[in-house]
Amino acid sequence: MSSKLTHAIALMCLGFTTMTSLQFSVFGAALPLIVSDLNIGYGFMGLLIAAWTVVSALTPLILGRLIDRLPPLWIIVLVLLISTLSSILTAYSYDLTVLNLARILLSLSFPFVWPISSRLVAAYVSSQRYGYSTAIFNTGSMIGFAASYIVMALAYNDWRFAMVMAGVVTLAYIPIIIIAWRAFLGSGLDIGRNIERQTVSVEAGRQEVPRGVVDRIGILLSLAHFCALYMWGILITWLSTFLVYELRLSYSEIAQFLSLVTVVSSILEVSAGIYSDRMGGLKGRALILFLGLTPSGILLLLAVEFAASSPTALVLVSLAALAWRVSTPSFWSIINDVIPPKYLGRISYMYVSAAPLSGIASSTITSAIITFTNSVRLGMLISAAITSASPIIYFVAARIGYELKSREHV
């Protein structure tokens, strides 16, 4: 695979993840204004968010096979169009009927963003550059997250205008990715056959692995993923409630900090992906998990409980988000390393399902906390504790997997 193609795939996927993350994050950034404007209680809004997340969890089961039959470029364009429509409908939501329709549309499309990006990388990029390419498009979630606050600031806190702006930006990306796709890929390769060939190659010479052991590793990895993503669910949905509603910070102040954090975290995340590719094994994968997730939990705790001022709290929360991003290249590298290819599809779905389950839990628990305490602080503290437990669970699961893998090659 050429270096030029590797970079092209990574950058196309980066644009894709950035645009869809913007659509998802701008709603969370505007949440205090939306709740106030539509006169919806935080408790009820949390239940709505959880319900929309349930749709995301069920969508791959219902539409997964149908979506897989479509050409990858069609899937990307379809997701971007649906995301744009969702944003526009959200902007013109004056009752719960339209709002629910708008957010359900986004929930139907969002689950396919990362799987199709991962499939593109697996099909077109050398396995020696997988961590690097994955890290590149993973930064899209952080870029979209920060961009949501920039859009809110540019819209002068008008959340409806911000939704329209996000929709227009996403719509504008469609011709860009179509042109780039045709320039670098033409009609595209048969992704399914390419991945199948790679799977057969990897399977050759491997001994049979007990399914029970694989399932145990998969359950532990899924639990670790649930804990790791709990904090990200809090950040993209409830962070603005803490920063804007409780600390009285402006969207401009938040946007400035998050923009700086995004630049630094993107560099660190890609560097972590490169390091992960070079080191490999338990040491390489686990180290960046501990370096990212453990400090992020501690920094979030400090921001909520010990920050002496609002600007200090904002700095600490931003650093927590930055540290969290460092760990992300290992999320998929570990599962690809320790799960035999013949089981990867089934275990991957188990692993992916941890994301919406984590979102449901964080939305439900945090909204209940806000309802009863009129503060999001306790929800942030719970998130810090759960996040800190994640790398430990990852390490236990990965150690079992790597030891099993080493015995296979003896």
Protein backbone atom coordinates (compact mmCIF):
# COMPACT_ATOMS: atom_id res chain seq x y z
CA MET A 1 0.00 0.00 0.00
CA SER A 2 1.41 3.43 -0.94
CA SER A 3 2.02 6.09 1.69
CA LYS A 4 -0.05 8.50 -0.40
CA LEU A 5 -3.08 6.21 -0.31
CA THR A 6 -2.63 5.62 3.44
CA HIS A 7 -2.74 9.36 4.13
CA ALA A 8 -5.67 9.88 1.76
CA ILE A 9 -7.78 7.20 3.44
CA ALA A 10 -6.94 8.50 6.92
CA LEU A 11 -7.80 12.09 5.98
CA MET A 12 -11.07 11.18 4.22
CA CYS A 13 -12.14 9.22 7.29
CA LEU A 14 -11.01 12.12 9.50
CA GLY A 15 -13.36 14.48 7.66
CA PHE A 16 -16.16 11.94 7.98
CA THR A 17 -15.73 11.45 11.73
CA THR A 18 -15.30 15.19 12.30
CA MET A 19 -18.52 16.16 10.52
CA THR A 20 -20.66 13.50 12.19
CA SER A 21 -19.13 14.22 15.61
CA LEU A 22 -19.94 17.90 15.14
CA GLN A 23 -23.58 16.99 14.55
CA PHE A 24 -23.63 14.87 17.70
CA SER A 25 -21.66 17.26 19.92
CA VAL A 26 -23.33 20.55 19.05
CA PHE A 27 -26.54 19.31 20.65
CA GLY A 28 -24.69 18.63 23.91
CA ALA A 29 -22.94 22.01 23.73
CA ALA A 30 -26.31 23.74 23.32
CA LEU A 31 -28.09 21.56 25.89
CA PRO A 32 -28.60 24.22 28.63
CA LEU A 33 -30.14 26.58 26.06
CA ILE A 34 -32.31 23.86 24.50
CA VAL A 35 -33.63 22.73 27.88
CA SER A 36 -34.51 26.31 28.75
CA ASP A 37 -36.01 27.23 25.36
CA LEU A 38 -38.19 24.12 25.03
CA ASN A 39 -39.02 24.10 28.75
CA ILE A 40 -37.83 20.51 29.23
CA GLY A 41 -36.52 19.32 32.59
CA TYR A 42 -33.00 17.92 32.76
CA GLY A 43 -34.33 14.63 34.08
CA PHE A 44 -36.70 14.18 31.15
CA MET A 45 -34.05 15.32 28.66
CA GLY A 46 -31.68 12.70 30.05
CA LEU A 47 -34.30 10.01 29.46
CA LEU A 48 -34.80 11.25 25.89
CA ILE A 49 -31.05 11.12 25.23
CA ALA A 50 -30.96 7.60 26.65
CA ALA A 51 -33.85 6.59 24.38
CA TRP A 52 -32.08 7.99 21.31
CA THR A 53 -28.99 6.04 22.35
CA VAL A 54 -31.07 2.85 22.52
CA VAL A 55 -31.94 3.47 18.86
CA SER A 56 -28.21 3.68 18.10
CA ALA A 57 -27.65 0.39 19.90
CA LEU A 58 -30.40 -1.41 17.96
CA THR A 59 -29.69 0.09 14.54
CA PRO A 60 -26.73 -2.16 13.62
CA LEU A 61 -28.85 -5.22 14.42
CA ILE A 62 -31.71 -4.03 12.22
CA LEU A 63 -29.91 -2.30 9.36
CA GLY A 64 -26.37 -3.71 9.57
CA ARG A 65 -26.71 -6.34 6.84
CA LEU A 66 -28.49 -3.92 4.50
CA ILE A 67 -25.87 -1.22 5.01
CA ASP A 68 -23.00 -3.67 4.42
CA ARG A 69 -24.35 -4.40 0.93
CA LEU A 70 -23.99 -0.77 -0.14
CA PRO A 71 -20.76 0.65 -1.61
CA PRO A 72 -18.73 2.42 1.11
CA LEU A 73 -18.97 5.83 -0.56
CA TRP A 74 -22.76 5.50 -0.68
CA ILE A 75 -22.82 4.77 3.04
CA ILE A 76 -20.66 7.81 3.80
CA VAL A 77 -22.78 10.16 1.67
CA LEU A 78 -26.00 8.74 3.10
CA VAL A 79 -24.80 9.21 6.69
CA LEU A 80 -23.72 12.80 5.95
CA LEU A 81 -27.06 13.61 4.32
CA ILE A 82 -29.04 12.14 7.21
CA SER A 83 -26.83 14.02 9.69
CA THR A 84 -27.47 17.28 7.85
CA LEU A 85 -31.23 16.68 7.79
CA SER A 86 -31.15 15.88 11.51
CA SER A 87 -29.34 19.14 12.26
CA ILE A 88 -31.79 21.23 10.23
CA LEU A 89 -34.81 19.53 11.81
CA THR A 90 -33.33 20.07 15.28
CA ALA A 91 -32.98 23.77 14.49
CA TYR A 92 -36.68 23.97 13.68
CA SER A 93 -37.86 21.86 16.60
CA TYR A 94 -40.50 23.67 18.61
CA ASP A 95 -42.05 20.56 20.14
CA LEU A 96 -40.94 17.10 21.21
CA THR A 97 -42.32 15.39 18.09
CA VAL A 98 -39.95 17.15 15.69
CA LEU A 99 -37.07 17.05 18.17
CA ASN A 100 -37.42 13.29 18.62
CA LEU A 101 -37.63 12.75 14.86
CA ALA A 102 -34.49 14.83 14.33
CA ARG A 103 -32.40 13.08 16.95
CA ILE A 104 -33.64 9.59 16.01
CA LEU A 105 -32.45 10.24 12.45
CA LEU A 106 -28.97 11.01 13.76
CA SER A 107 -29.11 7.93 16.00
CA LEU A 108 -29.88 5.78 12.96
CA SER A 109 -26.81 6.97 11.06
CA PHE A 110 -24.17 7.57 13.74
CA PRO A 111 -23.43 3.88 14.61
CA PHE A 112 -22.00 3.27 11.12
CA VAL A 113 -19.39 6.06 11.18
CA TRP A 114 -16.56 4.30 13.04
CA PRO A 115 -17.17 0.79 11.66
CA ILE A 116 -17.04 1.98 8.03
CA SER A 117 -13.92 4.06 8.79
CA SER A 118 -12.26 1.03 10.41
CA ARG A 119 -13.21 -1.15 7.44
CA LEU A 120 -11.71 1.33 5.01
CA VAL A 121 -8.45 1.41 6.96
CA ALA A 122 -8.39 -2.40 7.23
CA ALA A 123 -8.97 -2.75 3.48
CA TYR A 124 -6.63 -0.09 2.10
CA VAL A 125 -3.91 0.44 4.73
CA SER A 126 -1.02 -1.82 5.65
CA SER A 127 -1.36 -3.47 9.06
CA GLN A 128 1.92 -1.76 10.07
CA ARG A 129 0.17 1.62 9.76
CA TYR A 130 -3.18 0.64 11.28
CA GLY A 131 -2.59 2.35 14.64
CA TYR A 132 -1.46 5.55 12.90
CA SER A 133 -4.43 5.64 10.49
CA THR A 134 -6.93 4.83 13.22
CA ALA A 135 -5.48 7.56 15.43
CA ILE A 136 -5.86 10.06 12.57
CA PHE A 137 -9.58 9.48 12.04
CA ASN A 138 -10.19 9.05 15.79
CA THR A 139 -9.15 12.68 16.30
CA GLY A 140 -12.30 13.63 14.40
CA SER A 141 -14.40 13.08 17.52
CA MET A 142 -12.29 15.60 19.47
CA ILE A 143 -12.20 18.06 16.58
CA GLY A 144 -15.98 17.83 16.19
CA PHE A 145 -16.40 18.21 19.94
CA ALA A 146 -14.32 21.41 20.06
CA ALA A 147 -15.91 22.70 16.85
CA SER A 148 -19.36 22.47 18.45
CA TYR A 149 -18.38 25.14 21.00
CA ILE A 150 -16.79 27.26 18.26
CA VAL A 151 -20.03 27.07 16.28
CA MET A 152 -22.02 28.05 19.38
CA ALA A 153 -19.73 31.05 19.93
CA LEU A 154 -19.96 32.11 16.26
CA ALA A 155 -23.75 31.80 16.44
CA TYR A 156 -23.76 34.15 19.45
CA ASN A 157 -25.37 31.52 21.67
CA ASP A 158 -28.29 31.07 19.26
CA TRP A 159 -28.57 27.28 19.35
CA ARG A 160 -30.96 27.11 16.39
CA PHE A 161 -28.59 29.07 14.17
CA ALA A 162 -25.72 26.90 15.42
CA MET A 163 -27.60 23.76 14.32
CA VAL A 164 -28.12 25.23 10.85
CA MET A 165 -24.43 26.16 10.62
CA ALA A 166 -23.41 22.61 11.58
CA GLY A 167 -25.74 21.21 8.94
CA VAL A 168 -24.39 23.49 6.20
CA VAL A 169 -20.77 22.60 7.03
CA THR A 170 -21.55 18.88 6.91
CA LEU A 171 -23.40 19.24 3.62
CA ALA A 172 -20.41 21.08 2.14
CA TYR A 173 -18.13 18.14 2.93
CA ILE A 174 -20.06 15.74 0.69
CA PRO A 175 -18.67 16.98 -2.68
CA ILE A 176 -15.18 17.16 -1.12
CA ILE A 177 -15.13 13.49 -0.11
CA ILE A 178 -16.69 12.41 -3.42
CA ILE A 179 -13.95 14.20 -5.38
CA ALA A 180 -11.21 12.83 -3.10
CA TRP A 181 -12.64 9.30 -3.30
CA ARG A 182 -12.68 9.30 -7.10
CA ALA A 183 -9.20 10.80 -7.25
CA PHE A 184 -7.56 8.20 -5.00
CA LEU A 185 -9.81 5.14 -5.20
CA GLY A 186 -11.73 5.38 -8.44
CA SER A 187 -14.61 2.92 -8.18
CA GLY A 188 -13.05 1.44 -5.00
CA LEU A 189 -11.88 -2.05 -4.09
CA ASP A 190 -13.97 -4.95 -2.95
CA ILE A 191 -13.56 -4.32 0.76
CA GLY A 192 -15.20 -7.54 1.84
CA ARG A 193 -12.87 -9.74 -0.26
CA ASN A 194 -9.81 -7.78 0.77
CA ILE A 195 -10.55 -8.20 4.48
CA GLU A 196 -11.38 -11.87 3.93
CA ARG A 197 -7.98 -12.44 2.32
CA GLN A 198 -6.27 -10.76 5.26
CA THR A 199 -8.24 -12.90 7.71
CA VAL A 200 -7.30 -16.13 5.93
CA SER A 201 -3.64 -15.07 5.92
CA VAL A 202 -3.67 -14.33 9.64
CA GLU A 203 -5.52 -17.57 10.46
CA ALA A 204 -2.95 -19.69 8.65
CA GLY A 205 -0.79 -21.59 11.11
CA ARG A 206 -2.79 -20.61 14.19
CA GLN A 207 -4.06 -23.22 16.60
CA GLU A 208 -7.71 -23.44 17.54
CA VAL A 209 -8.57 -21.13 20.44
CA PRO A 210 -11.29 -22.25 22.92
CA ARG A 211 -14.40 -20.20 22.33
CA GLY A 212 -15.04 -19.88 26.06
CA VAL A 213 -11.69 -18.18 26.58
CA VAL A 214 -12.34 -15.80 23.70
CA ASP A 215 -15.77 -14.94 25.12
CA ARG A 216 -14.25 -14.23 28.54
CA ILE A 217 -11.68 -11.90 27.00
CA GLY A 218 -14.42 -10.25 24.92
CA ILE A 219 -16.59 -9.61 27.99
CA LEU A 220 -13.68 -8.07 29.90
CA LEU A 221 -12.71 -5.88 26.93
CA SER A 222 -16.34 -4.75 26.53
CA LEU A 223 -16.54 -3.85 30.24
CA ALA A 224 -13.29 -1.88 29.91
CA HIS A 225 -14.65 -0.11 26.82
CA PHE A 226 -17.89 0.72 28.69
CA CYS A 227 -15.88 2.32 31.51
CA ALA A 228 -13.57 4.19 29.14
CA LEU A 229 -16.40 5.69 27.08
CA TYR A 230 -18.49 6.69 30.12
CA MET A 231 -16.40 9.82 30.56
CA TRP A 232 -16.59 10.73 26.86
CA GLY A 233 -20.39 10.41 27.02
CA ILE A 234 -20.42 12.82 29.95
CA LEU A 235 -18.17 15.29 28.15
CA ILE A 236 -20.05 15.47 24.85
CA THR A 237 -23.50 15.58 26.48
CA TRP A 238 -23.27 17.20 29.91
CA LEU A 239 -20.05 19.21 29.95
CA SER A 240 -21.76 22.41 28.82
CA THR A 241 -24.30 22.02 31.65
CA PHE A 242 -21.37 22.08 34.08
CA LEU A 243 -19.34 24.83 32.39
CA VAL A 244 -22.13 27.13 31.18
CA TYR A 245 -24.93 26.47 33.67
CA GLU A 246 -22.88 26.02 36.87
CA LEU A 247 -19.58 27.81 36.27
CA ARG A 248 -21.11 30.60 34.14
CA LEU A 249 -18.41 30.42 31.47
CA SER A 250 -19.10 31.78 28.00
CA TYR A 251 -19.02 29.67 24.85
CA SER A 252 -16.18 31.85 23.54
CA GLU A 253 -14.02 31.08 26.58
CA ILE A 254 -14.73 27.36 26.30
CA ALA A 255 -14.09 27.34 22.55
CA GLN A 256 -10.67 28.97 22.97
CA PHE A 257 -9.52 26.40 25.51
CA LEU A 258 -10.92 23.43 23.61
CA SER A 259 -9.36 24.61 20.35
CA LEU A 260 -5.92 24.59 21.95
CA VAL A 261 -6.61 21.24 23.60
CA THR A 262 -7.73 19.78 20.26
CA VAL A 263 -4.49 20.73 18.53
CA VAL A 264 -2.34 19.30 21.31
CA SER A 265 -4.46 16.18 21.81
CA SER A 266 -4.47 15.42 18.07
CA ILE A 267 -0.67 15.51 18.01
CA LEU A 268 -0.46 13.33 21.12
CA GLU A 269 -3.09 10.91 19.85
CA VAL A 270 -1.35 10.35 16.52
CA SER A 271 2.00 10.03 18.31
CA ALA A 272 0.43 7.43 20.61
CA GLY A 273 -0.84 5.55 17.57
CA ILE A 274 2.62 5.53 15.99
CA TYR A 275 4.16 4.37 19.27
CA SER A 276 1.52 1.65 19.53
CA ASP A 277 2.40 0.43 16.02
CA ARG A 278 6.13 0.34 16.80
CA MET A 279 5.94 -1.28 20.22
CA GLY A 280 2.92 -3.53 19.80
CA GLY A 281 2.19 -6.21 22.39
CA LEU A 282 0.86 -5.75 25.90
CA LYS A 283 3.46 -3.14 26.88
CA GLY A 284 2.77 -0.84 23.94
CA ARG A 285 -1.03 -1.07 24.07
CA ALA A 286 -1.48 -0.96 27.85
CA LEU A 287 0.98 1.84 28.54
CA ILE A 288 -0.91 4.47 26.58
CA LEU A 289 -4.17 3.33 28.19
CA PHE A 290 -2.75 4.00 31.66
CA LEU A 291 -1.07 7.22 30.50
CA GLY A 292 -4.39 8.49 29.13
CA LEU A 293 -7.28 7.15 31.20
CA THR A 294 -5.78 7.32 34.70
CA PRO A 295 -4.76 11.01 34.54
CA SER A 296 -8.06 11.94 32.87
CA GLY A 297 -10.01 10.52 35.82
CA ILE A 298 -7.78 12.32 38.32
CA LEU A 299 -7.97 15.65 36.44
CA LEU A 300 -11.76 15.46 36.23
CA LEU A 301 -11.90 14.84 39.99
CA LEU A 302 -9.67 17.87 40.62
CA ALA A 303 -11.79 20.04 38.31
CA VAL A 304 -15.02 19.22 40.10
CA GLU A 305 -13.90 19.14 43.71
CA PHE A 306 -10.76 21.21 44.15
CA ALA A 307 -10.72 23.91 41.47
CA ALA A 308 -10.64 27.33 43.14
CA SER A 309 -12.15 29.23 40.20
CA SER A 310 -14.13 28.68 37.01
CA PRO A 311 -11.11 29.25 34.70
CA THR A 312 -9.10 26.72 36.72
CA ALA A 313 -11.91 24.19 36.43
CA LEU A 314 -12.07 24.77 32.67
CA VAL A 315 -8.31 24.19 32.34
CA LEU A 316 -8.50 20.96 34.36
CA VAL A 317 -11.50 19.64 32.40
CA SER A 318 -9.71 20.47 29.15
CA LEU A 319 -6.61 18.61 30.32
CA ALA A 320 -8.81 15.66 31.32
CA ALA A 321 -10.22 15.53 27.80
CA LEU A 322 -6.70 15.82 26.36
CA ALA A 323 -5.41 12.95 28.50
CA TRP A 324 -8.40 10.79 27.58
CA ARG A 325 -7.67 11.19 23.88
CA VAL A 326 -4.15 9.79 24.32
CA SER A 327 -5.60 6.37 25.17
CA THR A 328 -7.89 5.97 22.14
CA PRO A 329 -5.46 4.30 19.66
CA SER A 330 -5.34 1.24 21.93
CA PHE A 331 -9.13 0.80 22.03
CA TRP A 332 -9.20 -1.09 18.74
CA SER A 333 -5.55 -2.12 18.55
CA ILE A 334 -5.97 -4.36 21.59
CA ILE A 335 -9.05 -6.16 20.32
CA ASN A 336 -7.43 -6.70 16.91
CA ASP A 337 -4.34 -8.09 18.63
CA VAL A 338 -5.88 -10.55 21.08
CA ILE A 339 -9.07 -11.79 19.36
CA PRO A 340 -8.59 -14.44 16.65
CA PRO A 341 -9.92 -13.22 13.26
CA LYS A 342 -12.60 -15.94 13.07
CA TYR A 343 -14.18 -14.54 16.25
CA LEU A 344 -13.46 -10.87 15.57
CA GLY A 345 -16.84 -10.05 13.99
CA ARG A 346 -18.89 -11.42 16.89
CA ILE A 347 -16.63 -10.02 19.61
CA SER A 348 -16.41 -6.66 17.83
CA TYR A 349 -20.18 -6.27 17.97
CA MET A 350 -20.10 -7.09 21.69
CA TYR A 351 -17.33 -4.53 22.07
CA VAL A 352 -19.09 -1.84 20.01
CA SER A 353 -22.32 -2.38 21.96
CA ALA A 354 -20.52 -1.13 25.07
CA ALA A 355 -20.54 2.39 23.55
CA PRO A 356 -24.34 2.95 23.41
CA LEU A 357 -24.78 1.10 26.71
CA SER A 358 -22.29 3.48 28.29
CA GLY A 359 -24.14 6.41 26.73
CA ILE A 360 -27.48 5.17 28.08
CA ALA A 361 -26.04 4.72 31.56
CA SER A 362 -24.28 8.10 31.65
CA SER A 363 -27.36 9.97 30.36
CA THR A 364 -29.80 8.27 32.73
CA ILE A 365 -27.63 8.48 35.83
CA THR A 366 -26.44 12.04 35.24
CA SER A 367 -29.91 13.40 34.43
CA ALA A 368 -31.26 11.81 37.62
CA ILE A 369 -28.43 13.38 39.63
CA ILE A 370 -29.13 16.83 38.15
CA THR A 371 -32.84 16.44 38.91
CA PHE A 372 -32.28 15.55 42.57
CA THR A 373 -29.22 17.70 43.36
CA ASN A 374 -29.58 20.54 40.82
CA SER A 375 -25.92 19.96 39.96
CA VAL A 376 -23.91 17.79 37.60
CA ARG A 377 -20.93 17.55 39.97
CA LEU A 378 -21.73 14.12 41.41
CA GLY A 379 -22.19 12.76 37.89
CA MET A 380 -18.73 14.03 36.97
CA LEU A 381 -17.22 12.39 40.07
CA ILE A 382 -18.81 9.05 39.20
CA SER A 383 -17.41 9.41 35.69
CA ALA A 384 -13.91 10.04 37.09
CA ALA A 385 -14.06 6.87 39.19
CA ILE A 386 -15.36 4.68 36.36
CA THR A 387 -12.75 6.06 33.94
CA SER A 388 -9.92 5.30 36.36
CA ALA A 389 -11.03 1.65 36.58
CA SER A 390 -10.99 1.17 32.79
CA PRO A 391 -7.23 0.68 32.13
CA ILE A 392 -7.03 -1.92 34.91
CA ILE A 393 -9.78 -4.00 33.28
CA TYR A 394 -8.16 -3.53 29.85
CA PHE A 395 -4.84 -4.74 31.25
CA VAL A 396 -6.36 -7.89 32.78
CA ALA A 397 -8.18 -8.78 29.54
CA ALA A 398 -5.20 -8.00 27.32
CA ARG A 399 -2.79 -9.98 29.48
CA ILE A 400 -4.95 -13.10 29.13
CA GLY A 401 -5.17 -12.56 25.38
CA TYR A 402 -1.47 -11.92 24.78
CA GLU A 403 -0.45 -14.92 26.92
CA LEU A 404 -2.83 -17.10 24.92
CA LYS A 405 -1.42 -15.69 21.68
CA SER A 406 2.17 -16.35 22.74
CA ARG A 407 1.36 -20.00 23.57
CA GLU A 408 -0.19 -20.44 20.11
CA HIS A 409 3.12 -19.61 18.43
CA VAL A 410 5.31 -21.77 20.66
